[in-house]
Amino acid sequence: MSAQISLNWTKGSTFESLLDGHKVTIDTTAENGGNNEGPRPKALMLVALAGCSAMDVVSLFRKMRVRFDKISIDASAETSDTIPMVYTSFHVTYHIGGNAEDAAKIEKAIRLSQEKYCGVGLMMKKIGPITYEILLNGEPIQPLTNDK
C-alpha cells in the first residue's frame, strides 16, 4: 500500500490538493508573500496528529462502551529556534465529557491510541517526544505522561 497526492499552485504562495475528494488549500500569511487562504503546511501535522488519535479514541470508546458526550483535542508543538524551524516536541490534551465511572477505560483507550494505534503519532515520535494529558469533565485523570 502506498500514498500519493498532487499539489497544484494557484497563485502567490497558494496551493491546492485533492485528498479523498476534498479540496485542501495551503498558503502563508501576507507578510510572507501569501494570501492567507489556507493553513500553513506544518500546522497541518498537528491536525493530522489530533485527528488520527481522535478517530482511534472514538472507535475504542464504542468498543469499550464508554459513555461520552464530548471529545476535543488540543495539540501543540515546540519549534526549534534555527532555520529551518522544525518541530522538536509535541503535547496533546484530550478534553473528554463523560461518565466519571469510565475514567479507567478512557485512560486505556487514549493510551492505546498513543502507544499502538495512531500511525501519525508513531511517525511523529521519530521527530520528537509526545506528551499528553487527559481531562475528564475538566479534571485530570492521568498525570502528564512522557514518551518512552
Protein backbone atom coordinates (compact mmCIF):
# COMPACT_ATOMS: atom_id res chain seq x y z
CA MET A 1 0.00 0.00 0.00
CA SER A 2 1.25 3.48 -0.77
CA ALA A 3 0.04 7.05 -0.54
CA GLN A 4 0.24 9.79 -3.12
CA ILE A 5 -1.10 13.30 -3.55
CA SER A 6 -0.80 16.04 -6.16
CA LEU A 7 -0.31 19.64 -5.12
CA ASN A 8 -1.06 22.41 -7.60
CA TRP A 9 0.00 26.06 -7.47
CA THR A 10 -2.88 28.51 -7.89
CA LYS A 11 -1.21 31.90 -7.24
CA GLY A 12 1.31 33.58 -4.96
CA SER A 13 2.07 31.02 -2.26
CA THR A 14 -1.34 29.34 -2.52
CA PHE A 15 -1.53 25.65 -3.40
CA GLU A 16 -4.43 23.20 -3.62
CA SER A 17 -4.62 19.45 -3.30
CA LEU A 18 -7.43 16.94 -3.52
CA LEU A 19 -7.41 14.43 -0.68
CA ASP A 20 -10.04 11.72 -0.83
CA GLY A 21 -12.12 14.05 -3.00
CA HIS A 22 -11.82 17.00 -0.61
CA LYS A 23 -10.04 20.21 -1.59
CA VAL A 24 -7.28 21.27 0.78
CA THR A 25 -5.74 24.72 0.33
CA ILE A 26 -2.46 25.72 1.93
CA ASP A 27 -0.94 29.19 1.98
CA THR A 28 1.09 31.56 4.10
CA THR A 29 0.49 34.98 5.58
CA ALA A 30 0.53 38.19 3.54
CA GLU A 31 3.69 39.23 5.43
CA ASN A 32 5.38 36.13 4.00
CA GLY A 33 4.15 36.63 0.43
CA GLY A 34 0.91 34.68 0.63
CA ASN A 35 -2.79 35.45 0.60
CA ASN A 36 -3.70 33.72 3.88
CA GLU A 37 -6.16 31.49 2.01
CA GLY A 38 -5.35 28.35 3.97
CA PRO A 39 -3.37 26.95 6.86
CA ARG A 40 0.39 26.59 6.86
CA PRO A 41 1.60 23.10 5.91
CA LYS A 42 3.50 22.44 9.14
CA ALA A 43 0.41 23.17 11.28
CA LEU A 44 -1.48 20.50 9.35
CA MET A 45 0.81 17.97 11.03
CA LEU A 46 -0.88 18.85 14.33
CA VAL A 47 -4.30 18.43 12.75
CA ALA A 48 -3.22 15.01 11.50
CA LEU A 49 -1.89 14.05 14.94
CA ALA A 50 -5.08 15.09 16.74
CA GLY A 51 -7.37 13.68 14.06
CA CYS A 52 -5.67 10.30 13.94
CA SER A 53 -5.84 9.87 17.69
CA ALA A 54 -9.41 11.17 17.88
CA MET A 55 -10.60 8.56 15.40
CA ASP A 56 -8.83 5.82 17.37
CA VAL A 57 -10.32 7.04 20.64
CA VAL A 58 -13.89 7.22 19.35
CA SER A 59 -13.59 3.72 17.89
CA LEU A 60 -12.14 2.36 21.14
CA PHE A 61 -14.73 4.17 23.27
CA ARG A 62 -17.50 2.50 21.26
CA LYS A 63 -15.89 -0.95 21.58
CA MET A 64 -15.33 -0.42 25.31
CA ARG A 65 -18.83 1.01 25.80
CA VAL A 66 -17.51 4.27 27.23
CA ARG A 67 -20.28 6.78 27.88
CA PHE A 68 -19.17 10.12 26.46
CA ASP A 69 -20.73 13.25 25.00
CA LYS A 70 -17.66 15.32 24.13
CA ILE A 71 -14.21 14.79 22.70
CA SER A 72 -11.96 17.65 21.74
CA ILE A 73 -8.21 17.61 21.39
CA ASP A 74 -5.64 20.38 21.62
CA ALA A 75 -2.26 19.68 20.02
CA SER A 76 0.78 21.93 20.30
CA ALA A 77 4.41 21.73 19.27
CA GLU A 78 7.65 23.31 20.33
CA THR A 79 9.64 24.71 17.42
CA SER A 80 13.39 25.00 17.02
CA ASP A 81 15.00 28.43 17.07
CA THR A 82 17.09 27.71 13.99
CA ILE A 83 16.27 27.74 10.28
CA PRO A 84 14.66 25.60 9.12
CA MET A 85 12.29 25.89 12.08
CA VAL A 86 11.19 22.34 12.82
CA TYR A 87 9.00 20.79 15.47
CA THR A 88 11.04 19.34 18.33
CA SER A 89 8.33 18.05 20.70
CA PHE A 90 4.57 17.73 20.95
CA HIS A 91 1.86 17.92 23.60
CA VAL A 92 -1.70 16.64 23.27
CA THR A 93 -4.56 17.46 25.64
CA TYR A 94 -7.70 15.34 25.45
CA HIS A 95 -10.88 17.01 26.71
CA ILE A 96 -13.48 14.32 27.37
CA GLY A 97 -17.01 14.86 28.58
CA GLY A 98 -18.48 11.71 30.00
CA ASN A 99 -19.17 9.42 32.92
CA ALA A 100 -16.51 9.56 35.65
CA GLU A 101 -17.03 5.83 36.26
CA ASP A 102 -15.44 5.23 32.84
CA ALA A 103 -12.18 7.03 33.72
CA ALA A 104 -10.05 3.86 33.59
CA LYS A 105 -11.48 2.89 30.18
CA ILE A 106 -10.94 6.44 28.88
CA GLU A 107 -7.31 6.41 30.02
CA LYS A 108 -6.78 2.96 28.47
CA ALA A 109 -8.28 3.95 25.11
CA ILE A 110 -6.14 7.08 24.89
CA ARG A 111 -3.01 5.22 25.98
CA LEU A 112 -3.67 2.58 23.28
CA SER A 113 -4.03 5.31 20.68
CA GLN A 114 -0.78 6.94 21.81
CA GLU A 115 1.25 3.74 22.09
CA LYS A 116 -0.20 1.37 19.50
CA TYR A 117 -2.78 2.61 17.00
CA CYS A 118 -2.18 6.20 15.88
CA GLY A 119 0.18 5.92 12.91
CA VAL A 120 0.60 9.67 12.70
CA GLY A 121 1.70 9.86 16.33
CA LEU A 122 4.05 6.92 15.94
CA MET A 123 5.70 8.64 12.96
CA MET A 124 5.90 11.97 14.79
CA LYS A 125 7.60 10.31 17.77
CA LYS A 126 10.57 9.88 15.43
CA ILE A 127 10.73 13.70 15.27
CA GLY A 128 10.38 14.38 18.99
CA PRO A 129 8.67 13.22 22.16
CA ILE A 130 4.89 13.40 22.55
CA THR A 131 3.43 14.09 25.96
CA TYR A 132 -0.26 14.01 26.72
CA GLU A 133 -2.82 14.67 29.39
CA ILE A 134 -6.47 13.74 29.79
CA LEU A 135 -9.14 15.98 31.27
CA LEU A 136 -12.43 14.25 32.08
CA ASN A 137 -15.15 16.82 32.70
CA GLY A 138 -12.38 19.38 33.20
CA GLU A 139 -10.46 17.32 35.80
CA PRO A 140 -7.18 15.46 35.12
CA ILE A 141 -7.46 11.68 35.20
CA GLN A 142 -3.82 10.98 34.41
CA PRO A 143 -0.65 12.86 35.19
CA LEU A 144 1.37 14.23 32.29
CA THR A 145 2.88 11.24 30.51
CA ASN A 146 6.28 11.40 28.88
CA ASP A 147 7.01 9.42 25.75
CA LYS A 148 9.33 6.46 26.25
